[in-house]
């Protein structure tokens, strides 16, 4: 049987091209159900971002507390609401941010109540200072309260004196700066308190509604979200 050399060469070339294409074809990766939590614009000062099934949420606390909520094709935007210990005040929809319920460390569970529906998802603070916003108190409120009024200002009561000043949060550290106190004579205390733990650099950790403070002397103080 006579073989057509030209046809044979063409057939070999086609086979090699098919095999090469199969080798270079990447395996299709499964689609993850985990929300992609990234701000929509890298140029915006987004401080908190969250998402769930068919919805997304961004909050810019510095820009007049601007909140943008998107569900499917609808968009809800509002400004000048109050935010305290993970809950919003004076907002046309319910929003709660809690440090629990999400599998990823440092991610917060987000619950939204709007239009008779309850939506759930996860989110995280892109600016760690906003985790501290609000009032925190020891187990006994007579032992004082600290109010992180903004990302730079604090005020409070240490169980004896009023105090106020500034702070800077970075990573898991708080640097208390220029703290002023009233001059009332106070009984000495051997227990860690808000006076001893608002004087210098301290480490902090937030878990659920608890704020742990510790200083270089290994003094440890547990605070709860103040309601």
N, C-alpha and C. Protein backbone atom coordinates (compact mmCIF):
# COMPACT_ATOMS: atom_id res chain seq x y z
N UNK A 1 0.86 -1.19 0.00
CA UNK A 1 0.00 0.00 0.00
C UNK A 1 0.89 1.22 0.00
N UNK A 2 0.58 2.21 -0.87
CA UNK A 2 1.39 3.39 -1.00
C UNK A 2 0.89 4.45 -0.02
N UNK A 3 1.83 5.03 0.71
CA UNK A 3 1.46 6.06 1.69
C UNK A 3 1.76 7.43 1.11
N UNK A 4 0.78 8.32 1.18
CA UNK A 4 0.99 9.70 0.74
C UNK A 4 1.79 10.42 1.82
N UNK A 5 3.04 10.77 1.49
CA UNK A 5 3.96 11.35 2.49
C UNK A 5 3.44 12.68 3.03
N UNK A 6 2.88 13.48 2.14
CA UNK A 6 2.37 14.80 2.58
C UNK A 6 1.24 14.65 3.58
N UNK A 7 0.30 13.72 3.29
CA UNK A 7 -0.83 13.49 4.20
C UNK A 7 -0.35 12.96 5.54
N UNK A 8 0.65 12.08 5.48
CA UNK A 8 1.18 11.50 6.73
C UNK A 8 1.81 12.57 7.62
N UNK A 9 2.58 13.47 7.01
CA UNK A 9 3.24 14.54 7.78
C UNK A 9 2.20 15.46 8.39
N UNK A 10 1.18 15.80 7.61
CA UNK A 10 0.12 16.68 8.12
C UNK A 10 -0.61 16.05 9.29
N UNK A 11 -0.87 14.73 9.16
CA UNK A 11 -1.56 14.02 10.24
C UNK A 11 -0.71 14.02 11.51
N UNK A 12 0.59 13.81 11.37
CA UNK A 12 1.48 13.82 12.55
C UNK A 12 1.51 15.18 13.23
N UNK A 13 1.53 16.24 12.42
CA UNK A 13 1.55 17.59 12.98
C UNK A 13 0.28 17.87 13.78
N UNK A 14 -0.86 17.45 13.22
CA UNK A 14 -2.15 17.67 13.91
C UNK A 14 -2.19 16.92 15.24
N UNK A 15 -1.70 15.66 15.24
CA UNK A 15 -1.69 14.86 16.47
C UNK A 15 -0.81 15.52 17.52
N UNK A 16 0.37 16.00 17.13
CA UNK A 16 1.28 16.65 18.08
C UNK A 16 0.67 17.93 18.65
N UNK A 17 -0.03 18.68 17.81
CA UNK A 17 -0.68 19.91 18.29
C UNK A 17 -1.76 19.60 19.31
N UNK A 18 -2.54 18.55 19.06
CA UNK A 18 -3.61 18.16 20.00
C UNK A 18 -3.02 17.72 21.32
N UNK A 19 -1.95 16.90 21.27
CA UNK A 19 -1.31 16.43 22.52
C UNK A 19 -0.72 17.58 23.30
N UNK A 20 -0.10 18.54 22.61
CA UNK A 20 0.49 19.69 23.29
C UNK A 20 -0.58 20.55 23.94
N UNK A 21 -1.71 20.69 23.25
CA UNK A 21 -2.81 21.46 23.83
C UNK A 21 -3.37 20.81 25.07
N UNK A 22 -3.46 19.47 25.07
CA UNK A 22 -3.96 18.76 26.26
C UNK A 22 -3.01 18.93 27.43
N UNK A 23 -1.72 18.91 27.15
CA UNK A 23 -0.72 19.01 28.20
C UNK A 23 -0.75 20.37 28.87
N UNK A 24 -1.02 21.42 28.08
CA UNK A 24 -0.97 22.78 28.61
C UNK A 24 -2.30 23.27 29.15
N UNK A 25 -3.35 22.45 28.97
CA UNK A 25 -4.66 22.85 29.50
C UNK A 25 -4.68 22.71 31.01
N UNK A 26 -4.97 23.81 31.72
CA UNK A 26 -4.97 23.77 33.18
C UNK A 26 -6.26 23.15 33.68
N UNK A 27 -6.11 22.47 34.79
CA UNK A 27 -7.27 21.87 35.43
C UNK A 27 -8.17 22.97 35.97
N UNK A 28 -9.46 22.87 35.74
CA UNK A 28 -10.40 23.87 36.22
C UNK A 28 -10.49 23.83 37.73
N UNK A 29 -10.21 24.97 38.39
CA UNK A 29 -10.26 25.02 39.84
C UNK A 29 -11.70 25.14 40.30
N UNK A 30 -12.04 24.45 41.40
CA UNK A 30 -13.40 24.59 41.92
C UNK A 30 -13.66 25.98 42.44
N UNK A 31 -14.87 26.46 42.30
CA UNK A 31 -15.21 27.79 42.78
C UNK A 31 -15.46 27.73 44.27
N UNK A 32 -14.81 28.64 45.01
CA UNK A 32 -14.96 28.66 46.46
C UNK A 32 -16.22 29.42 46.84
N UNK A 33 -16.87 28.96 47.89
CA UNK A 33 -18.05 29.67 48.41
C UNK A 33 -17.67 30.78 49.37
N UNK A 34 -16.37 30.90 49.69
CA UNK A 34 -15.92 31.92 50.62
C UNK A 34 -15.99 33.28 49.95
N UNK A 35 -16.64 34.27 50.58
CA UNK A 35 -16.72 35.59 49.96
C UNK A 35 -15.34 36.20 49.77
N UNK A 36 -15.14 36.93 48.67
CA UNK A 36 -13.90 37.66 48.45
C UNK A 36 -14.07 39.02 49.10
N UNK A 37 -13.33 39.27 50.19
CA UNK A 37 -13.54 40.46 50.99
C UNK A 37 -12.48 41.49 50.66
N UNK A 38 -12.73 42.29 49.67
CA UNK A 38 -11.81 43.35 49.29
C UNK A 38 -12.60 44.60 48.96
N UNK A 39 -12.05 45.77 49.30
CA UNK A 39 -12.73 47.01 48.92
C UNK A 39 -12.87 47.09 47.41
N UNK A 40 -13.96 47.73 46.97
CA UNK A 40 -14.20 47.82 45.54
C UNK A 40 -13.22 48.76 44.86
N UNK A 41 -12.72 49.73 45.58
CA UNK A 41 -11.76 50.66 45.00
C UNK A 41 -10.57 50.80 45.92
N UNK A 42 -9.39 50.58 45.38
CA UNK A 42 -8.18 50.68 46.20
C UNK A 42 -7.85 52.12 46.52
N UNK A 43 -8.50 53.07 45.82
CA UNK A 43 -8.22 54.48 46.09
C UNK A 43 -9.10 55.03 47.19
N UNK A 44 -10.17 54.33 47.56
CA UNK A 44 -11.06 54.78 48.63
C UNK A 44 -10.48 54.39 49.98
N UNK A 45 -10.81 55.19 50.99
CA UNK A 45 -10.36 54.90 52.35
C UNK A 45 -11.38 54.00 53.04
N UNK A 46 -11.47 52.78 52.59
CA UNK A 46 -12.41 51.83 53.16
C UNK A 46 -11.84 51.27 54.46
N UNK A 47 -12.64 51.32 55.54
CA UNK A 47 -12.17 50.88 56.85
C UNK A 47 -12.74 49.52 57.26
N UNK A 48 -13.87 49.13 56.67
CA UNK A 48 -14.44 47.82 56.94
C UNK A 48 -15.10 47.32 55.67
N UNK A 49 -14.89 46.04 55.37
CA UNK A 49 -15.48 45.46 54.16
C UNK A 49 -16.04 44.09 54.51
N UNK A 50 -17.20 43.77 53.97
CA UNK A 50 -17.85 42.49 54.26
C UNK A 50 -18.65 42.05 53.06
N UNK A 51 -18.99 40.76 53.02
CA UNK A 51 -19.85 40.26 51.95
C UNK A 51 -20.50 38.97 52.39
N UNK A 52 -21.55 38.63 51.68
CA UNK A 52 -22.27 37.38 51.90
C UNK A 52 -22.87 36.94 50.59
N UNK A 53 -23.91 36.15 50.63
CA UNK A 53 -24.53 35.66 49.40
C UNK A 53 -25.29 36.80 48.72
N UNK A 54 -24.80 37.23 47.58
CA UNK A 54 -25.43 38.25 46.75
C UNK A 54 -25.45 39.65 47.37
N UNK A 55 -24.58 39.90 48.36
CA UNK A 55 -24.52 41.24 48.92
C UNK A 55 -23.09 41.60 49.32
N UNK A 56 -22.83 42.90 49.40
CA UNK A 56 -21.53 43.39 49.85
C UNK A 56 -21.74 44.66 50.66
N UNK A 57 -20.76 44.97 51.48
CA UNK A 57 -20.86 46.12 52.38
C UNK A 57 -19.49 46.75 52.53
N UNK A 58 -19.41 48.06 52.43
CA UNK A 58 -18.18 48.80 52.73
C UNK A 58 -18.54 49.96 53.66
N UNK A 59 -17.63 50.26 54.59
CA UNK A 59 -17.82 51.39 55.50
C UNK A 59 -16.54 52.23 55.51
N UNK A 60 -16.72 53.53 55.31
CA UNK A 60 -15.63 54.49 55.44
C UNK A 60 -15.96 55.39 56.63
N UNK A 61 -15.35 55.10 57.76
CA UNK A 61 -15.69 55.84 58.98
C UNK A 61 -15.20 57.28 58.92
N UNK A 62 -14.11 57.54 58.20
CA UNK A 62 -13.54 58.88 58.18
C UNK A 62 -14.33 59.84 57.30
N UNK A 63 -14.93 59.33 56.25
CA UNK A 63 -15.65 60.17 55.29
C UNK A 63 -17.12 60.30 55.71
N UNK A 64 -17.35 61.04 56.80
CA UNK A 64 -18.71 61.24 57.33
C UNK A 64 -19.43 59.92 57.58
N UNK A 65 -18.66 58.90 57.99
CA UNK A 65 -19.24 57.58 58.29
C UNK A 65 -20.11 57.10 57.13
N UNK A 66 -19.53 56.97 55.96
CA UNK A 66 -20.28 56.56 54.78
C UNK A 66 -20.38 55.05 54.72
N UNK A 67 -21.59 54.53 54.60
CA UNK A 67 -21.86 53.11 54.49
C UNK A 67 -22.52 52.85 53.15
N UNK A 68 -22.01 51.87 52.40
CA UNK A 68 -22.60 51.48 51.12
C UNK A 68 -22.93 49.99 51.18
N UNK A 69 -24.21 49.68 50.98
CA UNK A 69 -24.68 48.30 50.99
C UNK A 69 -25.26 47.98 49.62
N UNK A 70 -24.80 46.88 49.03
CA UNK A 70 -25.29 46.46 47.72
C UNK A 70 -25.85 45.05 47.82
N UNK A 71 -27.06 44.88 47.31
CA UNK A 71 -27.69 43.56 47.25
C UNK A 71 -28.24 43.37 45.85
N UNK A 72 -27.70 42.37 45.15
CA UNK A 72 -28.06 42.15 43.75
C UNK A 72 -27.84 43.45 42.97
N UNK A 73 -28.90 44.05 42.45
CA UNK A 73 -28.74 45.28 41.67
C UNK A 73 -29.10 46.54 42.46
N UNK A 74 -29.54 46.39 43.71
CA UNK A 74 -29.93 47.56 44.50
C UNK A 74 -28.76 48.06 45.33
N UNK A 75 -28.72 49.38 45.55
CA UNK A 75 -27.65 50.01 46.31
C UNK A 75 -28.26 50.90 47.38
N UNK A 76 -27.76 50.75 48.62
CA UNK A 76 -28.21 51.59 49.74
C UNK A 76 -26.98 52.31 50.29
N UNK A 77 -27.05 53.63 50.36
CA UNK A 77 -25.92 54.41 50.86
C UNK A 77 -26.41 55.42 51.89
N UNK A 78 -25.66 55.58 52.97
CA UNK A 78 -26.04 56.53 54.00
C UNK A 78 -24.79 57.06 54.69
N UNK A 79 -24.95 58.20 55.35
CA UNK A 79 -23.83 58.83 56.06
C UNK A 79 -24.28 59.32 57.43
N UNK A 80 -23.29 59.68 58.23
CA UNK A 80 -23.54 60.31 59.54
C UNK A 80 -24.33 59.43 60.50
N UNK A 81 -24.09 58.13 60.49
CA UNK A 81 -24.66 57.26 61.51
C UNK A 81 -23.62 57.07 62.60
N UNK A 82 -24.04 56.55 63.73
CA UNK A 82 -23.12 56.31 64.85
C UNK A 82 -22.77 54.82 64.91
N UNK A 83 -21.56 54.55 65.37
CA UNK A 83 -21.08 53.17 65.45
C UNK A 83 -20.47 52.97 66.82
N UNK A 84 -20.97 51.98 67.58
CA UNK A 84 -20.49 51.78 68.93
C UNK A 84 -20.45 50.28 69.24
N UNK A 85 -19.24 49.77 69.57
CA UNK A 85 -19.07 48.37 69.93
C UNK A 85 -19.72 47.42 68.91
N UNK A 86 -19.51 47.71 67.63
CA UNK A 86 -19.95 46.80 66.59
C UNK A 86 -21.41 46.92 66.20
N UNK A 87 -22.13 47.90 66.77
CA UNK A 87 -23.54 48.06 66.42
C UNK A 87 -23.76 49.49 65.93
N UNK A 88 -24.66 49.63 64.97
CA UNK A 88 -24.95 50.93 64.41
C UNK A 88 -26.16 51.55 65.08
N UNK A 89 -26.13 52.86 65.16
CA UNK A 89 -27.22 53.63 65.75
C UNK A 89 -27.68 54.66 64.71
N UNK A 90 -28.96 54.95 64.68
CA UNK A 90 -29.53 55.91 63.73
C UNK A 90 -29.30 55.48 62.29
N UNK A 91 -29.55 54.23 62.01
CA UNK A 91 -29.37 53.70 60.66
C UNK A 91 -30.68 53.09 60.20
N UNK A 92 -30.97 53.24 58.91
CA UNK A 92 -32.24 52.75 58.37
C UNK A 92 -32.28 51.25 58.17
N UNK A 93 -31.22 50.56 58.54
CA UNK A 93 -31.22 49.10 58.51
C UNK A 93 -30.42 48.61 59.70
N UNK A 94 -30.71 47.41 60.18
CA UNK A 94 -29.98 46.86 61.31
C UNK A 94 -28.65 46.28 60.87
N UNK A 95 -27.61 46.58 61.60
CA UNK A 95 -26.28 46.07 61.28
C UNK A 95 -25.55 45.75 62.58
N UNK A 96 -25.08 44.51 62.71
CA UNK A 96 -24.30 44.11 63.87
C UNK A 96 -23.02 43.42 63.38
N UNK A 97 -21.89 43.83 63.96
CA UNK A 97 -20.58 43.26 63.63
C UNK A 97 -20.03 42.63 64.90
N UNK A 98 -19.81 41.32 64.89
CA UNK A 98 -19.38 40.61 66.08
C UNK A 98 -18.12 39.79 65.80
N UNK A 99 -17.21 39.77 66.78
CA UNK A 99 -15.95 39.05 66.60
C UNK A 99 -16.14 37.58 66.95
N UNK A 100 -16.98 36.91 66.22
CA UNK A 100 -17.23 35.48 66.40
C UNK A 100 -18.05 34.99 65.22
N UNK A 101 -18.04 33.68 65.02
CA UNK A 101 -18.90 33.10 64.01
C UNK A 101 -18.30 32.94 62.63
N UNK A 102 -17.06 33.44 62.43
CA UNK A 102 -16.38 33.24 61.15
C UNK A 102 -15.15 32.37 61.36
N UNK A 103 -14.87 31.51 60.40
CA UNK A 103 -13.80 30.53 60.54
C UNK A 103 -12.41 31.15 60.46
N UNK A 104 -12.29 32.28 59.78
CA UNK A 104 -10.98 32.90 59.58
C UNK A 104 -10.66 33.82 60.75
N UNK A 105 -9.44 33.71 61.29
CA UNK A 105 -9.05 34.53 62.43
C UNK A 105 -9.08 36.01 62.04
N UNK A 106 -9.54 36.85 62.98
CA UNK A 106 -9.64 38.29 62.81
C UNK A 106 -10.74 38.71 61.83
N UNK A 107 -11.59 37.76 61.42
CA UNK A 107 -12.76 38.11 60.63
C UNK A 107 -13.98 38.16 61.55
N UNK A 108 -14.90 39.02 61.22
CA UNK A 108 -16.08 39.27 62.05
C UNK A 108 -17.33 38.77 61.34
N UNK A 109 -18.26 38.25 62.14
CA UNK A 109 -19.56 37.90 61.56
C UNK A 109 -20.38 39.18 61.43
N UNK A 110 -21.11 39.26 60.34
CA UNK A 110 -21.91 40.45 60.04
C UNK A 110 -23.36 40.03 59.84
N UNK A 111 -24.26 40.70 60.56
CA UNK A 111 -25.69 40.44 60.42
C UNK A 111 -26.38 41.73 60.00
N UNK A 112 -27.16 41.65 58.93
CA UNK A 112 -27.87 42.81 58.41
C UNK A 112 -29.36 42.51 58.41
N UNK A 113 -30.14 43.42 58.95
CA UNK A 113 -31.60 43.33 58.95
C UNK A 113 -32.14 44.43 58.05
N UNK A 114 -32.75 44.04 56.95
CA UNK A 114 -33.26 45.04 56.01
C UNK A 114 -34.43 44.47 55.22
N UNK A 115 -35.50 45.25 55.15
CA UNK A 115 -36.66 44.83 54.37
C UNK A 115 -37.27 43.52 54.82
N UNK A 116 -37.22 43.25 56.14
CA UNK A 116 -37.79 42.02 56.66
C UNK A 116 -36.91 40.79 56.46
N UNK A 117 -35.71 40.99 55.93
CA UNK A 117 -34.79 39.87 55.71
C UNK A 117 -33.60 39.96 56.66
N UNK A 118 -33.05 38.80 56.99
CA UNK A 118 -31.81 38.72 57.78
C UNK A 118 -30.71 38.16 56.89
N UNK A 119 -29.67 38.94 56.70
CA UNK A 119 -28.55 38.55 55.85
C UNK A 119 -27.32 38.35 56.72
N UNK A 120 -26.56 37.30 56.44
CA UNK A 120 -25.36 37.01 57.23
C UNK A 120 -24.15 36.85 56.32
N UNK A 121 -23.00 37.24 56.83
CA UNK A 121 -21.76 37.11 56.09
C UNK A 121 -20.57 37.34 57.00
N UNK A 122 -19.43 37.60 56.42
CA UNK A 122 -18.21 37.84 57.19
C UNK A 122 -17.52 39.09 56.66
N UNK A 123 -16.72 39.71 57.52
CA UNK A 123 -15.99 40.90 57.12
C UNK A 123 -14.79 41.13 58.01
N UNK A 124 -14.02 42.15 57.68
CA UNK A 124 -12.86 42.47 58.50
C UNK A 124 -12.55 43.96 58.41
N UNK A 125 -11.89 44.46 59.44
CA UNK A 125 -11.47 45.85 59.48
C UNK A 125 -10.16 45.99 58.73
N UNK A 126 -10.14 46.86 57.74
CA UNK A 126 -8.89 47.14 57.05
C UNK A 126 -8.07 48.15 57.84
N UNK A 127 -8.70 48.85 58.77
CA UNK A 127 -8.01 49.75 59.71
C UNK A 127 -8.25 49.19 61.11
N UNK A 128 -7.21 48.61 61.77
CA UNK A 128 -7.43 47.93 63.05
C UNK A 128 -7.92 48.85 64.16
N UNK A 129 -7.68 50.14 64.06
CA UNK A 129 -8.10 51.06 65.12
C UNK A 129 -9.62 51.06 65.30
N UNK A 130 -10.36 50.76 64.25
CA UNK A 130 -11.81 50.81 64.35
C UNK A 130 -12.38 49.63 65.13
N UNK A 131 -11.59 48.60 65.36
CA UNK A 131 -12.04 47.51 66.23
C UNK A 131 -12.29 48.01 67.65
N UNK A 132 -11.57 49.05 68.04
CA UNK A 132 -11.62 49.54 69.42
C UNK A 132 -12.75 50.53 69.66
N UNK A 133 -13.33 51.08 68.62
CA UNK A 133 -14.31 52.15 68.79
C UNK A 133 -15.43 51.75 69.74
N UNK A 134 -15.77 52.69 70.62
CA UNK A 134 -16.84 52.43 71.58
C UNK A 134 -16.32 52.42 72.99
N UNK A 135 -17.19 52.02 73.91
CA UNK A 135 -16.87 52.03 75.33
C UNK A 135 -16.64 50.62 75.86
N UNK A 136 -15.61 50.49 76.72
CA UNK A 136 -15.24 49.22 77.32
C UNK A 136 -15.08 49.41 78.82
N UNK A 137 -15.48 48.41 79.58
CA UNK A 137 -15.46 48.53 81.03
C UNK A 137 -15.02 47.22 81.67
N UNK A 138 -14.33 47.29 82.84
CA UNK A 138 -14.08 46.06 83.61
C UNK A 138 -15.41 45.43 84.03
N UNK A 139 -15.32 44.24 84.63
CA UNK A 139 -16.53 43.52 85.04
C UNK A 139 -17.41 44.41 85.92
N UNK A 140 -16.78 45.12 86.84
CA UNK A 140 -17.52 46.06 87.68
C UNK A 140 -17.38 47.46 87.09
N UNK A 141 -18.49 48.06 86.69
CA UNK A 141 -18.43 49.38 86.06
C UNK A 141 -17.94 50.44 87.04
N UNK A 142 -17.97 50.13 88.33
CA UNK A 142 -17.41 51.06 89.32
C UNK A 142 -15.89 51.17 89.18
N UNK A 143 -15.29 50.17 88.52
CA UNK A 143 -13.85 50.19 88.31
C UNK A 143 -13.45 51.03 87.11
N UNK A 144 -14.44 51.61 86.43
CA UNK A 144 -14.12 52.54 85.36
C UNK A 144 -14.66 52.16 84.01
N UNK A 145 -14.38 53.02 83.04
CA UNK A 145 -14.78 52.79 81.65
C UNK A 145 -13.82 53.58 80.76
N UNK A 146 -13.50 53.03 79.61
CA UNK A 146 -12.67 53.73 78.64
C UNK A 146 -13.45 53.85 77.35
N UNK A 147 -13.44 55.04 76.79
CA UNK A 147 -14.21 55.34 75.58
C UNK A 147 -13.23 55.70 74.46
N UNK A 148 -13.11 54.79 73.47
CA UNK A 148 -12.34 55.11 72.28
C UNK A 148 -13.25 55.92 71.37
N UNK A 149 -13.15 57.23 71.46
CA UNK A 149 -14.08 58.13 70.79
C UNK A 149 -13.87 58.17 69.28
N UNK A 150 -12.64 58.01 68.87
CA UNK A 150 -12.28 57.99 67.45
C UNK A 150 -11.03 57.14 67.33
N UNK A 151 -10.40 57.18 66.18
CA UNK A 151 -9.18 56.38 66.00
C UNK A 151 -7.97 57.04 66.65
N UNK A 152 -8.15 58.21 67.26
CA UNK A 152 -7.01 58.89 67.90
C UNK A 152 -7.33 59.42 69.30
N UNK A 153 -8.59 59.57 69.65
CA UNK A 153 -8.94 60.20 70.93
C UNK A 153 -9.62 59.22 71.88
N UNK A 154 -9.27 59.34 73.16
CA UNK A 154 -9.93 58.55 74.20
C UNK A 154 -10.32 59.46 75.37
N UNK A 155 -11.26 58.98 76.15
CA UNK A 155 -11.58 59.58 77.45
C UNK A 155 -12.10 58.45 78.31
N UNK A 156 -12.18 58.69 79.62
CA UNK A 156 -12.70 57.63 80.48
C UNK A 156 -12.60 57.96 81.95
N UNK A 157 -12.88 56.95 82.75
CA UNK A 157 -12.87 57.03 84.20
C UNK A 157 -12.16 55.78 84.70
N UNK A 158 -11.10 55.96 85.49
CA UNK A 158 -10.29 54.81 85.91
C UNK A 158 -10.70 54.22 87.26
N UNK A 159 -11.88 54.61 87.74
CA UNK A 159 -12.34 54.14 89.04
C UNK A 159 -12.17 55.18 90.12
N UNK A 160 -11.38 56.23 89.80
CA UNK A 160 -11.15 57.31 90.75
C UNK A 160 -11.09 58.66 90.04
N UNK A 161 -10.31 58.73 88.98
CA UNK A 161 -10.12 59.98 88.25
C UNK A 161 -10.62 59.88 86.81
N UNK A 162 -11.02 61.02 86.28
CA UNK A 162 -11.32 61.11 84.87
C UNK A 162 -10.01 61.24 84.10
N UNK A 163 -9.98 60.72 82.89
CA UNK A 163 -8.78 60.89 82.06
C UNK A 163 -9.18 61.11 80.61
N UNK A 164 -8.28 61.70 79.86
CA UNK A 164 -8.51 61.92 78.43
C UNK A 164 -7.16 62.11 77.75
N UNK A 165 -7.14 61.91 76.46
CA UNK A 165 -5.89 62.04 75.72
C UNK A 165 -5.99 61.44 74.34
N UNK A 166 -4.85 60.97 73.86
CA UNK A 166 -4.78 60.42 72.51
C UNK A 166 -4.14 59.03 72.55
N UNK A 167 -4.32 58.31 71.48
CA UNK A 167 -3.71 56.99 71.35
C UNK A 167 -3.47 56.68 69.89
N UNK A 168 -2.63 55.71 69.65
CA UNK A 168 -2.39 55.23 68.29
C UNK A 168 -2.38 53.71 68.33
N UNK A 169 -3.21 53.09 67.52
CA UNK A 169 -3.27 51.63 67.45
C UNK A 169 -2.58 51.16 66.18
N UNK A 170 -1.70 50.19 66.34
CA UNK A 170 -0.99 49.63 65.20
C UNK A 170 -0.73 48.16 65.46
N UNK A 171 -1.20 47.30 64.56
CA UNK A 171 -1.03 45.86 64.78
C UNK A 171 -1.80 45.45 66.02
N UNK A 172 -1.10 44.86 67.00
CA UNK A 172 -1.75 44.47 68.26
C UNK A 172 -1.27 45.32 69.42
N UNK A 173 -0.80 46.55 69.13
CA UNK A 173 -0.29 47.45 70.17
C UNK A 173 -1.08 48.76 70.18
N UNK A 174 -1.24 49.31 71.39
CA UNK A 174 -1.81 50.64 71.58
C UNK A 174 -0.76 51.50 72.26
N UNK A 175 -0.52 52.67 71.70
CA UNK A 175 0.40 53.64 72.30
C UNK A 175 -0.45 54.78 72.85
N UNK A 176 -0.61 54.85 74.19
CA UNK A 176 -1.35 55.94 74.81
C UNK A 176 -0.43 57.16 74.90
N UNK A 177 -0.94 58.30 74.46
CA UNK A 177 -0.12 59.50 74.35
C UNK A 177 -0.78 60.69 75.02
N UNK A 178 0.01 61.44 75.76
CA UNK A 178 -0.45 62.70 76.38
C UNK A 178 -1.74 62.50 77.17
N UNK A 179 -1.73 61.50 78.06
CA UNK A 179 -2.92 61.24 78.88
C UNK A 179 -2.94 62.21 80.06
N UNK A 180 -4.03 62.95 80.20
CA UNK A 180 -4.21 63.86 81.33
C UNK A 180 -5.28 63.30 82.25
N UNK A 181 -5.10 63.53 83.56
CA UNK A 181 -6.04 62.99 84.55
C UNK A 181 -6.40 64.08 85.56
N UNK A 182 -7.58 63.94 86.12
CA UNK A 182 -7.93 64.79 87.26
C UNK A 182 -7.06 64.38 88.45
N UNK A 183 -6.99 65.22 89.47
CA UNK A 183 -6.00 65.04 90.55
C UNK A 183 -6.61 64.57 91.87
N UNK A 184 -7.71 63.87 91.80
CA UNK A 184 -8.34 63.38 93.02
C UNK A 184 -7.45 62.35 93.70
N UNK A 185 -7.30 62.44 95.03
CA UNK A 185 -6.52 61.45 95.78
C UNK A 185 -7.24 60.11 95.77
N UNK A 186 -6.52 59.06 95.42
CA UNK A 186 -7.16 57.76 95.25
C UNK A 186 -6.47 56.70 96.10
N UNK A 187 -7.21 55.73 96.58
CA UNK A 187 -6.58 54.62 97.31
C UNK A 187 -5.72 53.80 96.36
N UNK A 188 -4.62 53.29 96.88
CA UNK A 188 -3.74 52.46 96.04
C UNK A 188 -4.40 51.11 95.79
N UNK A 189 -4.09 50.56 94.63
CA UNK A 189 -4.65 49.26 94.27
C UNK A 189 -3.53 48.38 93.73
N UNK A 190 -3.51 47.13 94.19
CA UNK A 190 -2.51 46.18 93.69
C UNK A 190 -2.99 45.48 92.43
N UNK A 191 -4.24 45.64 92.10
CA UNK A 191 -4.79 44.99 90.91
C UNK A 191 -4.54 45.86 89.69
N UNK A 192 -4.35 45.23 88.51
CA UNK A 192 -4.27 46.00 87.27
C UNK A 192 -5.55 46.80 87.08
N UNK A 193 -5.44 48.04 86.67
CA UNK A 193 -6.61 48.87 86.46
C UNK A 193 -6.40 49.79 85.27
N UNK A 194 -7.40 50.60 84.99
CA UNK A 194 -7.31 51.46 83.83
C UNK A 194 -6.29 52.58 84.00
N UNK A 195 -5.88 52.84 85.24
CA UNK A 195 -4.82 53.84 85.44
C UNK A 195 -3.47 53.26 85.04
N UNK A 196 -3.17 52.05 85.50
CA UNK A 196 -1.87 51.45 85.21
C UNK A 196 -1.74 50.97 83.77
N UNK A 197 -2.88 50.77 83.12
CA UNK A 197 -2.84 50.22 81.76
C UNK A 197 -3.17 51.25 80.69
N UNK A 198 -3.15 52.52 81.05
CA UNK A 198 -3.32 53.57 80.03
C UNK A 198 -2.19 54.59 80.17
N UNK A 199 -0.99 54.09 80.41
CA UNK A 199 0.14 54.98 80.64
C UNK A 199 1.22 54.88 79.58
N UNK A 200 1.23 53.83 78.80
CA UNK A 200 2.33 53.63 77.87
C UNK A 200 1.89 52.66 76.77
N UNK A 201 2.86 52.01 76.15
CA UNK A 201 2.54 50.97 75.17
C UNK A 201 1.90 49.77 75.86
N UNK A 202 0.84 49.25 75.29
CA UNK A 202 0.25 48.02 75.80
C UNK A 202 -0.15 47.15 74.60
N UNK A 203 -0.27 45.87 74.85
CA UNK A 203 -0.77 44.95 73.83
C UNK A 203 -2.26 44.76 74.04
N UNK A 204 -2.98 44.54 72.96
CA UNK A 204 -4.42 44.32 73.10
C UNK A 204 -4.86 43.20 72.17
N UNK A 205 -5.97 42.59 72.55
CA UNK A 205 -6.58 41.55 71.74
C UNK A 205 -8.07 41.60 71.96
N UNK A 206 -8.83 41.53 70.89
CA UNK A 206 -10.29 41.53 70.98
C UNK A 206 -10.82 40.17 70.59
N UNK A 207 -11.66 39.62 71.46
CA UNK A 207 -12.34 38.36 71.18
C UNK A 207 -13.80 38.50 71.59
N UNK A 208 -14.67 38.34 70.62
CA UNK A 208 -16.10 38.51 70.85
C UNK A 208 -16.34 39.90 71.45
N UNK A 209 -16.96 39.98 72.64
CA UNK A 209 -17.21 41.29 73.25
C UNK A 209 -16.19 41.60 74.32
N UNK A 210 -15.02 40.98 74.27
CA UNK A 210 -13.99 41.15 75.30
C UNK A 210 -12.75 41.82 74.72
N UNK A 211 -12.19 42.75 75.48
CA UNK A 211 -10.95 43.43 75.13
C UNK A 211 -9.92 43.14 76.21
N UNK A 212 -8.82 42.48 75.82
CA UNK A 212 -7.74 42.15 76.75
C UNK A 212 -6.62 43.17 76.59
N UNK A 213 -6.19 43.75 77.72
CA UNK A 213 -5.06 44.68 77.73
C UNK A 213 -3.94 44.09 78.59
N UNK A 214 -2.71 44.21 78.13
CA UNK A 214 -1.57 43.76 78.93
C UNK A 214 -0.39 44.69 78.68
N UNK A 215 0.41 44.93 79.75
CA UNK A 215 1.55 45.82 79.62
C UNK A 215 2.85 45.06 79.80
N UNK A 216 3.97 45.78 79.82
CA UNK A 216 5.28 45.13 79.90
C UNK A 216 5.53 44.48 81.25
N UNK A 217 4.72 44.82 82.25
CA UNK A 217 4.83 44.18 83.57
C UNK A 217 3.99 42.90 83.64
N UNK A 218 3.43 42.52 82.52
CA UNK A 218 2.58 41.32 82.42
C UNK A 218 1.28 41.47 83.20
N UNK A 219 0.91 42.73 83.50
CA UNK A 219 -0.40 42.95 84.10
C UNK A 219 -1.47 42.77 83.02
N UNK A 220 -2.54 42.13 83.39
CA UNK A 220 -3.58 41.79 82.43
C UNK A 220 -4.93 42.31 82.92
N UNK A 221 -5.66 42.95 82.02
CA UNK A 221 -6.96 43.49 82.39
C UNK A 221 -7.97 43.10 81.31
N UNK A 222 -9.10 42.56 81.75
CA UNK A 222 -10.17 42.17 80.85
C UNK A 222 -11.28 43.22 80.89
N UNK A 223 -11.66 43.72 79.71
CA UNK A 223 -12.75 44.68 79.61
C UNK A 223 -13.86 44.07 78.75
N UNK A 224 -15.07 44.50 79.04
CA UNK A 224 -16.23 44.04 78.25
C UNK A 224 -16.83 45.24 77.51
N UNK A 225 -17.46 44.95 76.40
CA UNK A 225 -18.16 46.01 75.67
C UNK A 225 -19.22 46.61 76.57
N UNK A 226 -19.17 47.92 76.69
CA UNK A 226 -20.05 48.65 77.61
C UNK A 226 -21.34 48.98 76.90
N UNK A 227 -22.47 48.60 77.48
CA UNK A 227 -23.77 48.86 76.85
C UNK A 227 -24.57 49.79 77.72
